[in-house]
Amino acid sequence: MKKYLVVYDYGTGGLWWYIHAESAAAITSAFHDLEVFESPPPWWSDEMEKLTATKVYRLGEPLTDEVLARFKR
């Protein structure tokens, strides 16, 4: 499994998580409205990494994040 960075972009900002999955396609099949990144974008800062580092999930395991769960297909 690989760790992917994902975002729900709501126009004026975004909600970010890391999801461990076999592929980006597996994530987009399991969740709607999320953009998947193979690696963090060039503008990704240490502060953003720090805030997102605690929001890590493994595809297929129960979701404890109610916001991320709203995007589940």
N, C-alpha and C. Protein backbone atom coordinates (compact mmCIF):
# COMPACT_ATOMS: atom_id res chain seq x y z
N MET A 1 0.84 -1.18 0.00
CA MET A 1 0.00 0.00 0.00
C MET A 1 0.88 1.24 0.00
N LYS A 2 0.36 2.27 -0.65
CA LYS A 2 1.07 3.54 -0.75
C LYS A 2 0.24 4.62 -0.05
N LYS A 3 0.90 5.63 0.48
CA LYS A 3 0.21 6.75 1.12
C LYS A 3 -0.01 7.85 0.08
N TYR A 4 -1.29 8.22 -0.09
CA TYR A 4 -1.68 9.27 -1.02
C TYR A 4 -2.22 10.46 -0.25
N LEU A 5 -1.92 11.65 -0.74
CA LEU A 5 -2.49 12.86 -0.20
C LEU A 5 -3.79 13.12 -0.97
N VAL A 6 -4.86 13.40 -0.25
CA VAL A 6 -6.14 13.69 -0.91
C VAL A 6 -6.71 15.00 -0.37
N VAL A 7 -7.51 15.65 -1.21
CA VAL A 7 -8.12 16.91 -0.81
C VAL A 7 -9.55 16.97 -1.31
N TYR A 8 -10.40 17.56 -0.50
CA TYR A 8 -11.70 18.02 -0.95
C TYR A 8 -11.55 19.52 -1.10
N ASP A 9 -11.55 19.99 -2.34
CA ASP A 9 -11.37 21.40 -2.64
C ASP A 9 -12.74 22.06 -2.72
N TYR A 10 -13.02 22.98 -1.81
CA TYR A 10 -14.33 23.62 -1.79
C TYR A 10 -14.28 25.03 -2.36
N GLY A 11 -13.26 25.34 -3.11
CA GLY A 11 -13.19 26.61 -3.82
C GLY A 11 -12.32 27.66 -3.16
N THR A 12 -12.56 27.94 -1.89
CA THR A 12 -11.76 28.94 -1.18
C THR A 12 -10.76 28.29 -0.23
N GLY A 13 -10.65 26.99 -0.30
CA GLY A 13 -9.75 26.22 0.55
C GLY A 13 -9.97 24.75 0.31
N GLY A 14 -9.43 23.94 1.18
CA GLY A 14 -9.57 22.50 1.03
C GLY A 14 -9.43 21.77 2.35
N LEU A 15 -9.95 20.57 2.37
CA LEU A 15 -9.81 19.66 3.51
C LEU A 15 -8.87 18.55 3.07
N TRP A 16 -7.85 18.28 3.86
CA TRP A 16 -6.77 17.38 3.46
C TRP A 16 -6.69 16.16 4.37
N TRP A 17 -6.33 15.00 3.77
CA TRP A 17 -6.08 13.76 4.49
C TRP A 17 -5.00 12.98 3.75
N TYR A 18 -4.43 12.00 4.43
CA TYR A 18 -3.61 10.97 3.79
C TYR A 18 -4.41 9.68 3.84
N ILE A 19 -4.41 8.94 2.74
CA ILE A 19 -5.08 7.65 2.69
C ILE A 19 -4.11 6.61 2.13
N HIS A 20 -3.93 5.52 2.85
CA HIS A 20 -3.14 4.39 2.37
C HIS A 20 -4.04 3.53 1.50
N ALA A 21 -3.59 3.25 0.27
CA ALA A 21 -4.39 2.45 -0.65
C ALA A 21 -3.47 1.77 -1.66
N GLU A 22 -4.02 0.79 -2.37
CA GLU A 22 -3.25 0.10 -3.41
C GLU A 22 -3.00 1.01 -4.60
N SER A 23 -3.94 1.95 -4.87
CA SER A 23 -3.80 2.84 -6.02
C SER A 23 -4.66 4.08 -5.83
N ALA A 24 -4.38 5.10 -6.62
CA ALA A 24 -5.21 6.30 -6.62
C ALA A 24 -6.61 5.95 -7.09
N ALA A 25 -6.71 5.05 -8.06
CA ALA A 25 -8.02 4.64 -8.59
C ALA A 25 -8.87 3.99 -7.50
N ALA A 26 -8.25 3.25 -6.60
CA ALA A 26 -8.99 2.63 -5.50
C ALA A 26 -9.62 3.69 -4.60
N ILE A 27 -8.92 4.80 -4.42
CA ILE A 27 -9.45 5.89 -3.59
C ILE A 27 -10.61 6.57 -4.30
N THR A 28 -10.44 6.88 -5.59
CA THR A 28 -11.53 7.55 -6.31
C THR A 28 -12.73 6.63 -6.49
N SER A 29 -12.53 5.34 -6.45
CA SER A 29 -13.66 4.40 -6.49
C SER A 29 -14.41 4.37 -5.17
N ALA A 30 -13.70 4.59 -4.08
CA ALA A 30 -14.29 4.51 -2.74
C ALA A 30 -14.86 5.84 -2.26
N PHE A 31 -14.34 6.96 -2.78
CA PHE A 31 -14.75 8.29 -2.33
C PHE A 31 -15.10 9.17 -3.53
N HIS A 32 -16.08 10.02 -3.37
CA HIS A 32 -16.42 10.99 -4.42
C HIS A 32 -15.89 12.36 -4.02
N ASP A 33 -15.64 13.19 -5.02
CA ASP A 33 -15.25 14.60 -4.83
C ASP A 33 -13.88 14.81 -4.18
N LEU A 34 -13.03 13.80 -4.16
CA LEU A 34 -11.67 13.97 -3.63
C LEU A 34 -10.68 13.96 -4.78
N GLU A 35 -9.70 14.85 -4.71
CA GLU A 35 -8.59 14.84 -5.66
C GLU A 35 -7.44 14.10 -4.99
N VAL A 36 -6.78 13.23 -5.73
CA VAL A 36 -5.71 12.39 -5.19
C VAL A 36 -4.36 12.85 -5.75
N PHE A 37 -3.37 12.99 -4.88
CA PHE A 37 -2.02 13.37 -5.26
C PHE A 37 -1.08 12.19 -4.97
N GLU A 38 -0.24 11.87 -5.94
CA GLU A 38 0.78 10.83 -5.75
C GLU A 38 1.82 11.29 -4.72
N SER A 39 2.09 12.58 -4.71
CA SER A 39 3.01 13.18 -3.74
C SER A 39 2.53 14.61 -3.49
N PRO A 40 2.94 15.21 -2.39
CA PRO A 40 2.49 16.57 -2.09
C PRO A 40 2.89 17.55 -3.22
N PRO A 41 2.03 18.53 -3.50
CA PRO A 41 2.37 19.52 -4.52
C PRO A 41 3.56 20.38 -4.09
N PRO A 42 4.21 21.04 -5.05
CA PRO A 42 5.41 21.83 -4.73
C PRO A 42 5.19 22.91 -3.68
N TRP A 43 4.00 23.45 -3.59
CA TRP A 43 3.71 24.52 -2.64
C TRP A 43 3.36 24.01 -1.24
N TRP A 44 3.31 22.69 -1.06
CA TRP A 44 2.96 22.07 0.23
C TRP A 44 3.98 22.49 1.28
N SER A 45 3.52 23.07 2.38
CA SER A 45 4.43 23.60 3.40
C SER A 45 4.58 22.63 4.58
N ASP A 46 5.58 22.89 5.39
CA ASP A 46 5.79 22.10 6.61
C ASP A 46 4.60 22.23 7.54
N GLU A 47 4.00 23.42 7.59
CA GLU A 47 2.83 23.64 8.45
C GLU A 47 1.64 22.81 7.97
N MET A 48 1.43 22.76 6.66
CA MET A 48 0.34 21.94 6.12
C MET A 48 0.59 20.46 6.40
N GLU A 49 1.83 20.04 6.26
CA GLU A 49 2.18 18.64 6.56
C GLU A 49 1.90 18.32 8.02
N LYS A 50 2.26 19.22 8.90
CA LYS A 50 2.05 19.02 10.34
C LYS A 50 0.55 18.87 10.65
N LEU A 51 -0.27 19.71 10.03
CA LEU A 51 -1.72 19.67 10.27
C LEU A 51 -2.36 18.41 9.69
N THR A 52 -1.83 17.91 8.60
CA THR A 52 -2.42 16.76 7.92
C THR A 52 -1.85 15.43 8.42
N ALA A 53 -0.68 15.44 9.00
CA ALA A 53 0.00 14.21 9.41
C ALA A 53 -0.80 13.37 10.40
N THR A 54 -1.71 13.98 11.12
CA THR A 54 -2.53 13.23 12.08
C THR A 54 -3.81 12.68 11.45
N LYS A 55 -4.06 13.05 10.21
CA LYS A 55 -5.28 12.63 9.51
C LYS A 55 -4.92 11.57 8.47
N VAL A 56 -4.54 10.38 8.94
CA VAL A 56 -4.08 9.29 8.08
C VAL A 56 -5.03 8.11 8.24
N TYR A 57 -5.50 7.58 7.11
CA TYR A 57 -6.46 6.48 7.12
C TYR A 57 -6.02 5.41 6.15
N ARG A 58 -6.46 4.18 6.39
CA ARG A 58 -6.17 3.06 5.51
C ARG A 58 -7.47 2.66 4.83
N LEU A 59 -7.46 2.63 3.51
CA LEU A 59 -8.64 2.29 2.74
C LEU A 59 -9.16 0.91 3.16
N GLY A 60 -10.44 0.85 3.46
CA GLY A 60 -11.06 -0.40 3.86
C GLY A 60 -11.27 -0.53 5.35
N GLU A 61 -10.56 0.27 6.13
CA GLU A 61 -10.75 0.25 7.59
C GLU A 61 -11.86 1.23 7.97
N PRO A 62 -12.49 1.03 9.11
CA PRO A 62 -13.56 1.95 9.53
C PRO A 62 -13.04 3.39 9.63
N LEU A 63 -13.87 4.31 9.16
CA LEU A 63 -13.50 5.73 9.20
C LEU A 63 -13.91 6.33 10.54
N THR A 64 -12.99 7.03 11.16
CA THR A 64 -13.29 7.72 12.40
C THR A 64 -13.50 9.21 12.17
N ASP A 65 -13.17 9.69 10.97
CA ASP A 65 -13.33 11.10 10.62
C ASP A 65 -14.69 11.28 9.95
N GLU A 66 -15.59 11.97 10.64
CA GLU A 66 -16.96 12.14 10.14
C GLU A 66 -17.00 12.93 8.83
N VAL A 67 -16.11 13.88 8.67
CA VAL A 67 -16.10 14.67 7.44
C VAL A 67 -15.66 13.81 6.27
N LEU A 68 -14.57 13.07 6.42
CA LEU A 68 -14.11 12.19 5.34
C LEU A 68 -15.17 11.13 5.03
N ALA A 69 -15.85 10.64 6.04
CA ALA A 69 -16.89 9.62 5.84
C ALA A 69 -18.01 10.14 4.94
N ARG A 70 -18.24 11.42 4.91
CA ARG A 70 -19.30 11.99 4.05
C ARG A 70 -19.00 11.82 2.56
N PHE A 71 -17.75 11.59 2.22
CA PHE A 71 -17.36 11.43 0.82
C PHE A 71 -17.33 9.97 0.38
N LYS A 72 -17.62 9.06 1.29
CA LYS A 72 -17.63 7.62 0.98
C LYS A 72 -18.74 7.33 -0.02
N ARG A 73 -18.42 6.54 -1.03
CA ARG A 73 -19.44 6.14 -2.03
C ARG A 73 -20.29 5.03 -1.45
